[in-house]
Amino acid sequence: MQYACRFLVPVMAILVLLFPAVIFASEKEGAEVDSSKISSQTQACIGCHKTYTPGIIEDWLTSRHSKTLPLDALKKPALQRRVSADNIPDGLSGYVVGCYECHSLNAEKHKDNFQHMGYKINVIVTPNDCSTCHPVEVKQYSESKKAHAIKNLMENPVYHTLVEVVDGVKRVENGKIVSYKPTDDTLRETCLGCHGTKVEVKGMKKVFTKMGEITVPDLTNWPNQGVGRENPDGSLGACTACHSRHAFSIEVARKPYTCGQCHLDPDVPAYNVYKASKHGNIFSSDYHTWNFDNVPWLIGKDFKTPTCAACHVSLLVSPDGNLVASRSHDFGSRLWVRLFGLIYSVPQPQTGDTTVIRNKDGLPLPSAFTGEPAYEYLLSREEQDNRFDKMKKVCVSCHSTNWTSGHFEKLDTTIKETNEMTLAATKLMVEAWEKGIEDKTNPFDEAIEQMWIKQWLFYSNSIRYASAMTGAQDYAAFKLGWWELTNNLMMMRDAVDVKSAVKKKGPEHKDKKK
């Protein structure tokens, strides 16, 4: 079958040229593509994949890639351009961006490159490949926390220990709970599903497909499209985490559902909070009337209330064309404080690679147990103010200055108070360790320790996100909010007292039983 398809490919390419409507007319409105703008290599790809993976082809036919020549994209005014390259390589500039144009780039760097139907094809399209047309976006992303998401999680011994406690299988052996390290598959469908996996090539393997038996690269930890995925060409990230294959729709990336793939309660409840907020309510009611495809994005014209992308990354202008916010694929470039507390909420880190951070106790944490920030590794006051001004400029495009100022003053108070509640829980945790009723060797694997984790990882985070995206007050009050924060602290106090009492009278209690 494989040899038959090799013969079929050039034949199908000829048929495409003679009868373009047969291959390139999608049922979706506006999806017809001029086949003369498609390279012969991509036509060959479509010749087979139209039959064997038609969903991919139909998706691509709806994309801007399938209709726009890179040369034409370069001619657009600066604010309307979706490519940031100054020029496009000759071999790519005269055709639309198709299968071959993406899956053949930088073959010498791709350990996942293989011979496929007479062509050298990369299995994975990486940020380094996308940088051919989008170098500024890729550079911005490469400096973000998302690009370093695996390293930040798995090469930080504190966070790595937490991951193993959460994901590892537990068994009861001799009356005790024993934890085992999670498998790669478990990690891939849990923490590393969002953070990304390290994809390596083990060799080649034979697989049986609709086309028959073919030989392909044997990849570890695949499939995965986590934000910090480590790719076989050495690049970091997956553009498809937000711009889903193969349409690469800016509309999909701008809608909050995309962020909701990972940013969910209880630990990062941004999407849940957004849905319950005033902004989320307006989005849910009116989004079908919005223009999600326009570049730049016109505030009040194209959309009526911010989505995640509007606040964090999108190129925004006022209806009269004045720049409000520049596009950035560093998702933290407008953030001055990190709401996600590890263990406390402190200023954003100076670099996306947070493994370099050390608190005053030498631990790889952005603050000490007492809450004192590791200022040496965090944003300066000047840079915090600079980022705050960027975000405030987005807010005052719809809200008054007084309203906006009041909102952020409230957020400052929320951060201070939730940090105080985390500190109270941490003092109880330290007390338990000093009394020897919990073992500090692994700070996450015992009952009181896990109550402490809830205080900062779940409840304090929930309150801060609710405050930042005002209008989801139940997430600040009863649902993962102040009620849980207070109740959890009381439960910790009781647990420390009970275990302390049991330990204190342990030997005497045993004698009485005898």
Protein backbone atom coordinates (compact mmCIF):
# COMPACT_ATOMS: atom_id res chain seq x y z
CA MET A 1 0.00 0.00 0.00
CA GLN A 2 2.88 2.36 0.81
CA TYR A 3 4.34 1.97 -2.68
CA ALA A 4 0.94 2.44 -4.25
CA CYS A 5 0.52 5.74 -2.43
CA ARG A 6 3.96 6.91 -3.56
CA PHE A 7 2.77 6.42 -7.11
CA LEU A 8 -0.54 8.05 -6.25
CA VAL A 9 0.98 11.26 -4.87
CA PRO A 10 2.26 12.74 -8.17
CA VAL A 11 -0.90 11.61 -9.93
CA MET A 12 -3.07 13.37 -7.36
CA ALA A 13 -0.94 16.50 -7.67
CA ILE A 14 -1.65 16.57 -11.41
CA LEU A 15 -5.37 16.08 -10.79
CA VAL A 16 -5.33 18.95 -8.32
CA LEU A 17 -3.96 21.28 -10.97
CA LEU A 18 -6.55 20.14 -13.50
CA PHE A 19 -9.52 20.03 -11.16
CA PRO A 20 -8.82 22.34 -8.20
CA ALA A 21 -12.44 22.46 -7.04
CA VAL A 22 -12.40 18.73 -6.34
CA ILE A 23 -9.68 19.13 -3.73
CA PHE A 24 -9.85 22.71 -2.54
CA ALA A 25 -13.52 23.56 -2.25
CA SER A 26 -14.60 23.20 1.34
CA GLU A 27 -18.23 23.20 2.41
CA LYS A 28 -17.43 26.00 4.86
CA GLU A 29 -18.22 29.49 3.65
CA GLY A 30 -15.27 31.36 2.20
CA ALA A 31 -13.03 28.30 2.20
CA GLU A 32 -12.29 28.03 -1.53
CA VAL A 33 -8.60 28.24 -2.29
CA ASP A 34 -6.80 29.14 -5.51
CA SER A 35 -4.72 26.04 -6.25
CA SER A 36 -2.22 28.07 -8.31
CA LYS A 37 -1.05 29.60 -5.03
CA ILE A 38 -0.37 26.19 -3.48
CA SER A 39 3.06 24.61 -3.87
CA SER A 40 3.32 21.29 -5.70
CA GLN A 41 4.61 19.68 -2.48
CA THR A 42 1.57 20.77 -0.48
CA GLN A 43 -0.69 19.68 -3.32
CA ALA A 44 0.88 16.24 -3.07
CA CYS A 45 0.23 16.18 0.68
CA ILE A 46 -3.40 17.12 0.14
CA GLY A 47 -3.72 14.48 -2.57
CA CYS A 48 -3.48 11.70 0.03
CA HIS A 49 -4.59 13.46 3.21
CA LYS A 50 -7.85 14.63 1.63
CA THR A 51 -8.78 10.95 1.69
CA TYR A 52 -7.05 9.71 4.83
CA THR A 53 -7.29 12.70 7.24
CA PRO A 54 -9.98 14.91 5.66
CA GLY A 55 -10.62 16.81 8.89
CA ILE A 56 -7.13 18.27 8.80
CA ILE A 57 -7.53 19.44 5.22
CA GLU A 58 -10.95 20.97 5.83
CA ASP A 59 -9.59 22.80 8.86
CA TRP A 60 -6.63 24.15 6.89
CA LEU A 61 -8.92 25.29 4.07
CA THR A 62 -10.67 27.64 6.49
CA SER A 63 -7.38 29.15 7.65
CA ARG A 64 -5.74 32.42 6.68
CA HIS A 65 -2.63 30.38 5.90
CA SER A 66 -4.42 28.66 3.02
CA LYS A 67 -5.41 31.92 1.32
CA THR A 68 -2.68 34.48 2.00
CA LEU A 69 0.71 34.72 0.33
CA PRO A 70 3.42 35.75 2.82
CA LEU A 71 4.53 38.42 0.33
CA ASP A 72 1.06 39.97 0.46
CA ALA A 73 1.05 39.78 4.26
CA LEU A 74 4.26 41.82 4.38
CA LYS A 75 2.62 44.65 2.44
CA LYS A 76 -0.03 45.36 5.06
CA PRO A 77 0.21 48.47 7.30
CA ALA A 78 2.18 47.89 10.51
CA LEU A 79 -0.83 47.60 12.82
CA GLN A 80 -2.63 45.21 10.48
CA ARG A 81 0.28 42.85 9.91
CA ARG A 82 0.08 39.35 11.36
CA VAL A 83 3.67 38.51 10.46
CA SER A 84 6.65 40.16 12.11
CA ALA A 85 9.44 39.02 9.76
CA ASP A 86 11.11 41.68 7.61
CA ASN A 87 11.29 39.23 4.73
CA ILE A 88 10.32 35.69 3.85
CA PRO A 89 12.69 33.09 2.30
CA ASP A 90 12.29 32.90 -1.49
CA GLY A 91 11.06 29.32 -1.46
CA LEU A 92 8.16 30.23 0.82
CA SER A 93 7.15 33.72 -0.21
CA GLY A 94 5.32 32.85 -3.43
CA TYR A 95 2.95 30.22 -2.04
CA VAL A 96 0.34 30.07 0.69
CA VAL A 97 1.41 28.45 3.94
CA GLY A 98 0.51 24.80 3.53
CA CYS A 99 1.44 21.35 4.82
CA TYR A 100 4.90 21.23 3.28
CA GLU A 101 5.76 24.84 4.09
CA CYS A 102 5.36 24.10 7.83
CA HIS A 103 6.40 20.45 8.09
CA SER A 104 9.65 20.74 6.10
CA LEU A 105 11.33 23.72 7.75
CA ASN A 106 14.74 23.46 9.43
CA ALA A 107 14.97 19.74 8.72
CA GLU A 108 18.60 19.63 9.82
CA LYS A 109 17.57 20.63 13.37
CA HIS A 110 14.66 18.21 13.60
CA LYS A 111 15.51 14.82 15.06
CA ASP A 112 11.88 13.93 14.25
CA ASN A 113 12.48 14.38 10.51
CA PHE A 114 11.85 11.33 8.31
CA GLN A 115 11.39 10.30 4.69
CA HIS A 116 7.70 10.30 3.82
CA MET A 117 6.40 9.71 0.31
CA GLY A 118 9.54 11.11 -1.25
CA TYR A 119 9.78 14.17 1.02
CA LYS A 120 11.71 14.94 4.22
CA ILE A 121 9.01 15.73 6.77
CA ASN A 122 9.09 16.85 10.41
CA VAL A 123 6.44 15.28 12.62
CA ILE A 124 6.25 18.31 14.91
CA VAL A 125 5.97 21.94 13.85
CA THR A 126 7.76 23.97 16.51
CA PRO A 127 8.06 27.62 17.55
CA ASN A 128 11.44 27.71 15.80
CA ASP A 129 9.65 26.83 12.56
CA CYS A 130 6.90 29.41 13.17
CA SER A 131 9.61 32.04 13.71
CA THR A 132 10.28 31.99 9.96
CA CYS A 133 7.31 34.36 9.64
CA HIS A 134 6.67 35.27 13.29
CA PRO A 135 10.11 35.90 14.86
CA VAL A 136 9.01 38.67 17.25
CA GLU A 137 6.16 36.60 18.66
CA VAL A 138 8.41 33.56 19.14
CA LYS A 139 11.11 35.64 20.88
CA GLN A 140 8.53 37.13 23.23
CA TYR A 141 7.13 33.73 24.02
CA SER A 142 10.57 32.21 24.58
CA GLU A 143 11.15 34.70 27.41
CA SER A 144 7.89 33.90 29.19
CA LYS A 145 7.15 31.61 32.14
CA LYS A 146 5.04 29.48 29.81
CA ALA A 147 8.00 28.61 27.59
CA HIS A 148 9.89 27.40 30.68
CA ALA A 149 6.88 25.63 32.17
CA ILE A 150 8.44 22.14 32.35
CA LYS A 151 11.71 23.35 33.82
CA ASN A 152 9.99 25.63 36.31
CA LEU A 153 7.92 22.71 37.58
CA MET A 154 10.11 19.63 37.24
CA GLU A 155 13.58 21.09 37.87
CA ASN A 156 12.48 22.91 41.00
CA PRO A 157 12.87 20.25 43.73
CA VAL A 158 10.10 21.79 45.86
CA TYR A 159 7.48 21.84 43.09
CA HIS A 160 8.68 18.50 41.71
CA THR A 161 8.11 16.92 45.12
CA LEU A 162 4.56 18.32 45.16
CA VAL A 163 3.92 16.89 41.69
CA GLU A 164 5.06 13.42 42.77
CA VAL A 165 2.88 13.53 45.89
CA VAL A 166 -0.19 14.59 43.91
CA ASP A 167 0.21 12.27 40.92
CA GLY A 168 1.91 9.18 42.34
CA VAL A 169 -0.08 6.01 43.07
CA LYS A 170 -0.72 5.38 46.78
CA ARG A 171 -0.98 1.94 48.34
CA VAL A 172 -1.69 0.78 51.88
CA GLU A 173 1.19 -1.43 52.98
CA ASN A 174 1.50 -2.73 56.56
CA GLY A 175 -1.13 -0.24 57.63
CA LYS A 176 0.70 2.75 56.17
CA ILE A 177 0.11 4.77 53.01
CA VAL A 178 3.06 4.40 50.67
CA SER A 179 3.50 6.69 47.65
CA TYR A 180 5.04 5.69 44.33
CA LYS A 181 6.44 7.96 41.67
CA PRO A 182 3.99 8.77 38.86
CA THR A 183 4.55 7.21 35.46
CA ASP A 184 5.33 9.33 32.40
CA ASP A 185 1.81 8.63 31.08
CA THR A 186 0.24 9.87 34.32
CA LEU A 187 2.35 13.02 34.27
CA ARG A 188 1.48 13.58 30.60
CA GLU A 189 -2.25 13.59 31.32
CA THR A 190 -1.99 15.66 34.50
CA CYS A 191 0.58 18.38 35.31
CA LEU A 192 2.57 18.01 32.10
CA GLY A 193 -0.60 18.04 30.01
CA CYS A 194 -0.56 21.81 30.51
CA HIS A 195 3.10 22.46 31.33
CA GLY A 196 4.33 20.35 28.41
CA THR A 197 6.44 17.23 28.02
CA LYS A 198 9.97 16.58 26.79
CA VAL A 199 9.57 14.99 23.36
CA GLU A 200 12.57 12.97 22.21
CA VAL A 201 13.18 10.55 19.35
CA LYS A 202 13.95 7.00 20.51
CA GLY A 203 14.39 5.67 16.99
CA MET A 204 12.03 4.56 14.24
CA LYS A 205 8.98 2.32 14.44
CA LYS A 206 6.44 0.76 12.09
CA VAL A 207 2.80 1.75 12.45
CA PHE A 208 -0.28 0.50 10.64
CA THR A 209 -2.41 3.29 9.15
CA LYS A 210 -5.21 3.64 6.63
CA MET A 211 -2.45 3.94 4.06
CA GLY A 212 -0.88 0.67 5.17
CA GLU A 213 2.34 0.09 7.11
CA ILE A 214 4.68 3.08 7.32
CA THR A 215 7.84 3.81 9.29
CA VAL A 216 7.82 6.92 11.49
CA PRO A 217 9.91 8.42 14.31
CA ASP A 218 9.27 6.81 17.70
CA LEU A 219 8.62 9.78 20.03
CA THR A 220 8.60 9.88 23.81
CA ASN A 221 5.80 11.65 25.71
CA TRP A 222 3.78 12.22 22.55
CA PRO A 223 1.22 13.52 21.74
CA ASN A 224 1.33 16.70 23.79
CA GLN A 225 0.73 20.40 23.20
CA GLY A 226 1.61 21.84 26.59
CA VAL A 227 2.78 25.44 26.69
CA GLY A 228 6.37 24.58 27.66
CA ARG A 229 6.82 21.47 25.55
CA GLU A 230 10.48 20.66 24.81
CA ASN A 231 10.66 19.78 21.11
CA PRO A 232 13.03 17.48 19.21
CA ASP A 233 14.67 20.50 17.56
CA GLY A 234 15.54 21.97 20.96
CA SER A 235 12.91 24.73 20.92
CA LEU A 236 10.50 25.39 23.78
CA GLY A 237 6.72 25.67 23.59
CA ALA A 238 3.79 24.76 21.40
CA CYS A 239 2.05 27.52 19.46
CA THR A 240 -0.82 25.05 19.03
CA ALA A 241 -1.60 25.28 22.75
CA CYS A 242 -3.54 28.45 21.86
CA HIS A 243 -3.63 28.54 18.04
CA SER A 244 -5.09 25.10 17.42
CA ARG A 245 -3.95 23.05 14.44
CA HIS A 246 -4.55 23.35 11.49
CA ALA A 247 -6.65 26.49 11.20
CA PHE A 248 -4.39 28.43 13.60
CA SER A 249 -7.35 30.68 14.27
CA ILE A 250 -6.81 33.98 16.03
CA GLU A 251 -10.50 33.76 16.96
CA VAL A 252 -9.90 30.55 18.91
CA ALA A 253 -6.92 32.10 20.69
CA ARG A 254 -8.89 35.21 21.63
CA LYS A 255 -11.84 33.36 23.16
CA PRO A 256 -11.58 32.46 26.85
CA TYR A 257 -12.37 28.78 26.24
CA THR A 258 -8.79 28.29 25.07
CA CYS A 259 -7.35 29.60 28.34
CA GLY A 260 -9.91 27.44 30.15
CA GLN A 261 -8.03 24.34 29.00
CA CYS A 262 -5.57 24.85 31.87
CA HIS A 263 -6.55 27.85 34.00
CA LEU A 264 -9.21 26.14 36.11
CA ASP A 265 -10.10 25.86 39.78
CA PRO A 266 -9.07 25.00 42.35
CA ASP A 267 -5.44 26.06 41.85
CA VAL A 268 -5.61 28.52 38.92
CA PRO A 269 -9.32 29.43 38.77
CA ALA A 270 -9.02 32.25 36.23
CA TYR A 271 -11.45 30.74 33.70
CA ASN A 272 -14.06 29.79 36.32
CA VAL A 273 -13.85 33.25 37.84
CA TYR A 274 -14.07 34.92 34.43
CA LYS A 275 -17.25 33.01 33.52
CA ALA A 276 -18.89 34.17 36.75
CA SER A 277 -17.69 37.78 36.44
CA LYS A 278 -19.46 40.75 34.87
CA HIS A 279 -17.06 40.62 31.92
CA GLY A 280 -17.74 36.92 31.47
CA ASN A 281 -21.49 37.49 31.66
CA ILE A 282 -21.34 40.06 28.86
CA PHE A 283 -19.10 37.79 26.78
CA SER A 284 -21.46 34.83 27.15
CA SER A 285 -24.42 36.99 26.15
CA ASP A 286 -22.95 38.96 23.24
CA TYR A 287 -19.88 37.19 21.84
CA HIS A 288 -21.77 36.01 18.73
CA THR A 289 -21.97 39.67 17.60
CA TRP A 290 -18.22 40.34 17.99
CA ASN A 291 -15.44 40.37 15.41
CA PHE A 292 -12.72 38.08 16.76
CA ASP A 293 -10.66 38.11 13.57
CA ASN A 294 -9.79 41.79 13.15
CA VAL A 295 -6.20 43.02 13.55
CA PRO A 296 -5.76 45.31 15.35
CA TRP A 297 -8.64 44.63 17.74
CA LEU A 298 -10.90 47.69 18.11
CA ILE A 299 -12.12 48.27 21.65
CA GLY A 300 -15.89 48.84 21.74
CA LYS A 301 -16.24 48.03 18.04
CA ASP A 302 -14.92 44.51 17.57
CA PHE A 303 -15.59 43.46 21.17
CA LYS A 304 -17.56 44.91 24.06
CA THR A 305 -15.74 43.53 27.08
CA PRO A 306 -12.31 42.02 27.59
CA THR A 307 -11.45 38.36 27.24
CA CYS A 308 -8.24 36.87 28.66
CA ALA A 309 -6.41 37.76 25.44
CA ALA A 310 -7.59 41.38 25.49
CA CYS A 311 -6.07 42.00 28.91
CA HIS A 312 -2.92 39.96 28.53
CA VAL A 313 -1.69 39.71 24.93
CA SER A 314 -3.78 41.29 22.16
CA LEU A 315 -2.96 44.33 20.03
CA LEU A 316 -5.67 46.83 21.01
CA VAL A 317 -6.62 50.18 19.51
CA SER A 318 -9.36 52.67 20.18
CA PRO A 319 -12.13 53.10 17.57
CA ASP A 320 -10.26 56.12 16.18
CA GLY A 321 -7.09 54.08 15.73
CA ASN A 322 -5.01 55.15 18.73
CA LEU A 323 -2.81 52.41 20.15
CA VAL A 324 -3.95 51.18 23.56
CA ALA A 325 -1.80 48.06 24.01
CA SER A 326 0.86 46.44 21.87
CA ARG A 327 0.67 42.76 21.02
CA SER A 328 2.86 40.54 23.17
CA HIS A 329 3.25 36.77 23.33
CA ASP A 330 4.92 37.08 26.72
CA PHE A 331 1.77 36.53 28.72
CA GLY A 332 3.19 38.25 31.78
CA SER A 333 4.34 41.44 30.08
CA ARG A 334 1.39 43.42 31.52
CA LEU A 335 1.53 41.79 34.95
CA TRP A 336 3.34 43.40 37.88
CA VAL A 337 2.28 40.99 40.63
CA ARG A 338 1.90 37.22 40.59
CA LEU A 339 -1.57 36.33 41.87
CA PHE A 340 -0.68 32.66 41.80
CA GLY A 341 0.96 32.32 45.18
CA LEU A 342 3.91 29.98 45.66
CA ILE A 343 3.57 30.23 48.71
CA TYR A 344 2.78 33.96 48.88
CA SER A 345 1.72 36.44 46.23
CA VAL A 346 4.77 38.55 45.37
CA PRO A 347 5.98 40.67 42.41
CA GLN A 348 6.48 38.89 39.08
CA PRO A 349 9.88 37.25 38.50
CA GLN A 350 12.50 39.02 36.42
CA THR A 351 12.84 36.08 34.03
CA GLY A 352 10.61 33.31 32.71
CA ASP A 353 13.10 30.75 34.04
CA THR A 354 12.14 30.77 37.71
CA THR A 355 14.54 27.96 38.67
CA VAL A 356 17.22 30.59 39.32
CA ILE A 357 15.24 32.07 42.24
CA ARG A 358 16.45 31.51 45.81
CA ASN A 359 14.82 32.92 48.93
CA LYS A 360 16.80 33.98 52.01
CA ASP A 361 16.77 30.38 53.24
CA GLY A 362 18.34 29.15 50.01
CA LEU A 363 15.16 27.45 48.81
CA PRO A 364 13.99 27.80 45.17
CA LEU A 365 10.93 29.82 46.20
CA PRO A 366 10.03 33.48 45.44
CA SER A 367 9.55 34.22 49.14
CA ALA A 368 10.65 32.97 52.55
CA PHE A 369 8.33 31.03 54.88
CA THR A 370 7.80 34.32 56.71
CA GLY A 371 6.47 35.88 53.49
CA GLU A 372 9.53 38.04 52.78
CA PRO A 373 9.92 38.26 48.96
CA ALA A 374 13.19 37.26 47.29
CA TYR A 375 13.49 40.78 45.86
CA GLU A 376 16.79 40.10 44.12
CA TYR A 377 14.98 37.87 41.62
CA LEU A 378 11.74 39.83 41.29
CA LEU A 379 10.71 42.90 39.29
CA SER A 380 11.94 46.27 40.44
CA ARG A 381 9.42 48.81 41.66
CA GLU A 382 9.96 50.78 38.46
CA GLU A 383 9.18 47.79 36.23
CA GLN A 384 6.15 46.90 38.35
CA ASP A 385 4.82 50.43 37.82
CA ASN A 386 5.55 50.21 34.10
CA ARG A 387 3.53 47.00 33.74
CA PHE A 388 0.74 48.31 35.94
CA ASP A 389 0.41 51.34 33.68
CA LYS A 390 0.07 49.04 30.64
CA MET A 391 -2.79 47.13 32.24
CA LYS A 392 -4.44 50.27 33.59
CA LYS A 393 -4.44 51.74 30.07
CA VAL A 394 -6.52 48.77 28.93
CA CYS A 395 -8.98 49.21 31.81
CA VAL A 396 -9.51 52.96 31.38
CA SER A 397 -10.48 52.42 27.76
CA CYS A 398 -13.90 51.45 29.14
CA HIS A 399 -13.87 52.49 32.80
CA SER A 400 -13.34 55.82 34.50
CA THR A 401 -10.02 56.56 36.18
CA ASN A 402 -11.69 56.63 39.59
CA TRP A 403 -13.40 53.25 39.05
CA THR A 404 -10.14 51.68 37.85
CA SER A 405 -8.08 53.10 40.71
CA GLY A 406 -10.61 51.83 43.24
CA HIS A 407 -10.51 48.38 41.68
CA PHE A 408 -6.74 48.05 41.98
CA GLU A 409 -6.70 49.47 45.51
CA LYS A 410 -9.11 46.69 46.45
CA LEU A 411 -6.84 44.13 44.80
CA ASP A 412 -3.83 45.41 46.77
CA THR A 413 -5.78 44.90 50.00
CA THR A 414 -6.83 41.40 48.93
CA ILE A 415 -3.23 40.40 48.22
CA LYS A 416 -2.08 41.71 51.60
CA GLU A 417 -4.85 39.95 53.54
CA THR A 418 -4.57 36.58 51.76
CA ASN A 419 -0.82 36.63 52.35
CA GLU A 420 -1.55 37.19 56.06
CA MET A 421 -3.88 34.17 56.09
CA THR A 422 -1.21 32.08 54.40
CA LEU A 423 1.34 33.23 56.97
CA ALA A 424 -1.01 32.17 59.79
CA ALA A 425 -1.28 28.69 58.27
CA THR A 426 2.48 28.53 57.70
CA LYS A 427 3.12 29.30 61.38
CA LEU A 428 0.92 26.33 62.30
CA MET A 429 2.78 24.19 59.81
CA VAL A 430 6.14 25.18 61.28
CA GLU A 431 4.76 24.41 64.75
CA ALA A 432 3.78 20.92 63.62
CA TRP A 433 7.25 20.31 62.22
CA GLU A 434 8.99 21.62 65.34
CA LYS A 435 6.84 19.40 67.58
CA GLY A 436 7.66 16.42 65.40
CA ILE A 437 4.03 15.56 64.70
CA GLU A 438 4.66 15.99 60.98
CA ASP A 439 7.82 15.07 59.11
CA LYS A 440 9.41 17.96 57.23
CA THR A 441 11.46 15.62 55.00
CA ASN A 442 8.63 15.78 52.47
CA PRO A 443 6.58 18.92 53.22
CA PHE A 444 3.56 17.79 51.19
CA ASP A 445 2.73 14.17 52.02
CA GLU A 446 0.97 14.31 55.40
CA ALA A 447 -2.50 15.41 56.41
CA ILE A 448 -1.70 18.75 58.06
CA GLU A 449 0.76 19.56 55.29
CA GLN A 450 -1.93 19.05 52.68
CA MET A 451 -4.28 21.32 54.59
CA TRP A 452 -1.51 23.93 54.50
CA ILE A 453 -1.20 23.47 50.73
CA LYS A 454 -4.91 24.17 50.31
CA GLN A 455 -4.49 27.47 52.15
CA TRP A 456 -2.11 28.96 49.58
CA LEU A 457 -2.60 26.86 46.45
CA PHE A 458 -6.40 26.80 46.40
CA TYR A 459 -8.14 29.31 48.67
CA SER A 460 -5.81 32.31 48.65
CA ASN A 461 -5.39 32.00 44.89
CA SER A 462 -9.15 31.84 44.37
CA ILE A 463 -9.75 35.02 46.38
CA ARG A 464 -7.05 36.94 44.50
CA TYR A 465 -8.30 35.89 41.06
CA ALA A 466 -11.85 36.85 42.06
CA SER A 467 -10.64 40.25 43.22
CA ALA A 468 -8.61 40.83 40.06
CA MET A 469 -11.53 39.94 37.75
CA THR A 470 -14.17 41.67 39.83
CA GLY A 471 -17.72 40.34 39.66
CA ALA A 472 -17.19 36.73 40.76
CA GLN A 473 -17.56 37.44 44.45
CA ASP A 474 -18.65 33.94 45.47
CA TYR A 475 -15.17 32.72 44.53
CA ALA A 476 -13.87 35.26 47.04
CA ALA A 477 -16.45 34.43 49.71
CA PHE A 478 -17.80 30.87 49.94
CA LYS A 479 -16.70 28.88 46.87
CA LEU A 480 -12.99 28.28 47.51
CA GLY A 481 -12.80 31.72 49.15
CA TRP A 482 -12.73 33.28 52.60
CA TRP A 483 -15.04 30.66 54.14
CA GLU A 484 -12.65 27.86 53.15
CA LEU A 485 -9.60 29.95 54.05
CA THR A 486 -10.92 30.54 57.58
CA ASN A 487 -12.34 27.06 58.13
CA ASN A 488 -9.13 25.44 56.89
CA LEU A 489 -7.06 27.48 59.35
CA MET A 490 -9.28 26.32 62.22
CA MET A 491 -9.01 22.72 61.07
CA MET A 492 -5.23 23.04 60.99
CA ARG A 493 -5.21 24.43 64.55
CA ASP A 494 -7.34 21.54 65.78
CA ALA A 495 -5.25 18.96 63.92
CA VAL A 496 -2.00 20.29 65.42
CA ASP A 497 -3.50 20.28 68.91
CA VAL A 498 -4.95 16.76 68.62
CA LYS A 499 -1.79 15.20 67.19
CA SER A 500 0.32 17.02 69.76
CA ALA A 501 -1.83 15.67 72.59
CA VAL A 502 -1.73 12.13 71.21
CA LYS A 503 2.05 12.23 70.89
CA LYS A 504 2.48 13.70 74.37
CA LYS A 505 0.53 10.95 76.16
CA GLY A 506 1.49 8.15 73.77
CA PRO A 507 3.67 5.97 76.06
CA GLU A 508 1.41 6.53 79.11
CA HIS A 509 -1.64 5.64 77.03
CA LYS A 510 -0.03 2.38 75.93
CA ASP A 511 0.76 1.42 79.57
CA LYS A 512 -2.89 1.95 80.59
CA LYS A 513 -4.06 -0.33 77.78
CA LYS A 514 -1.77 -3.06 79.11
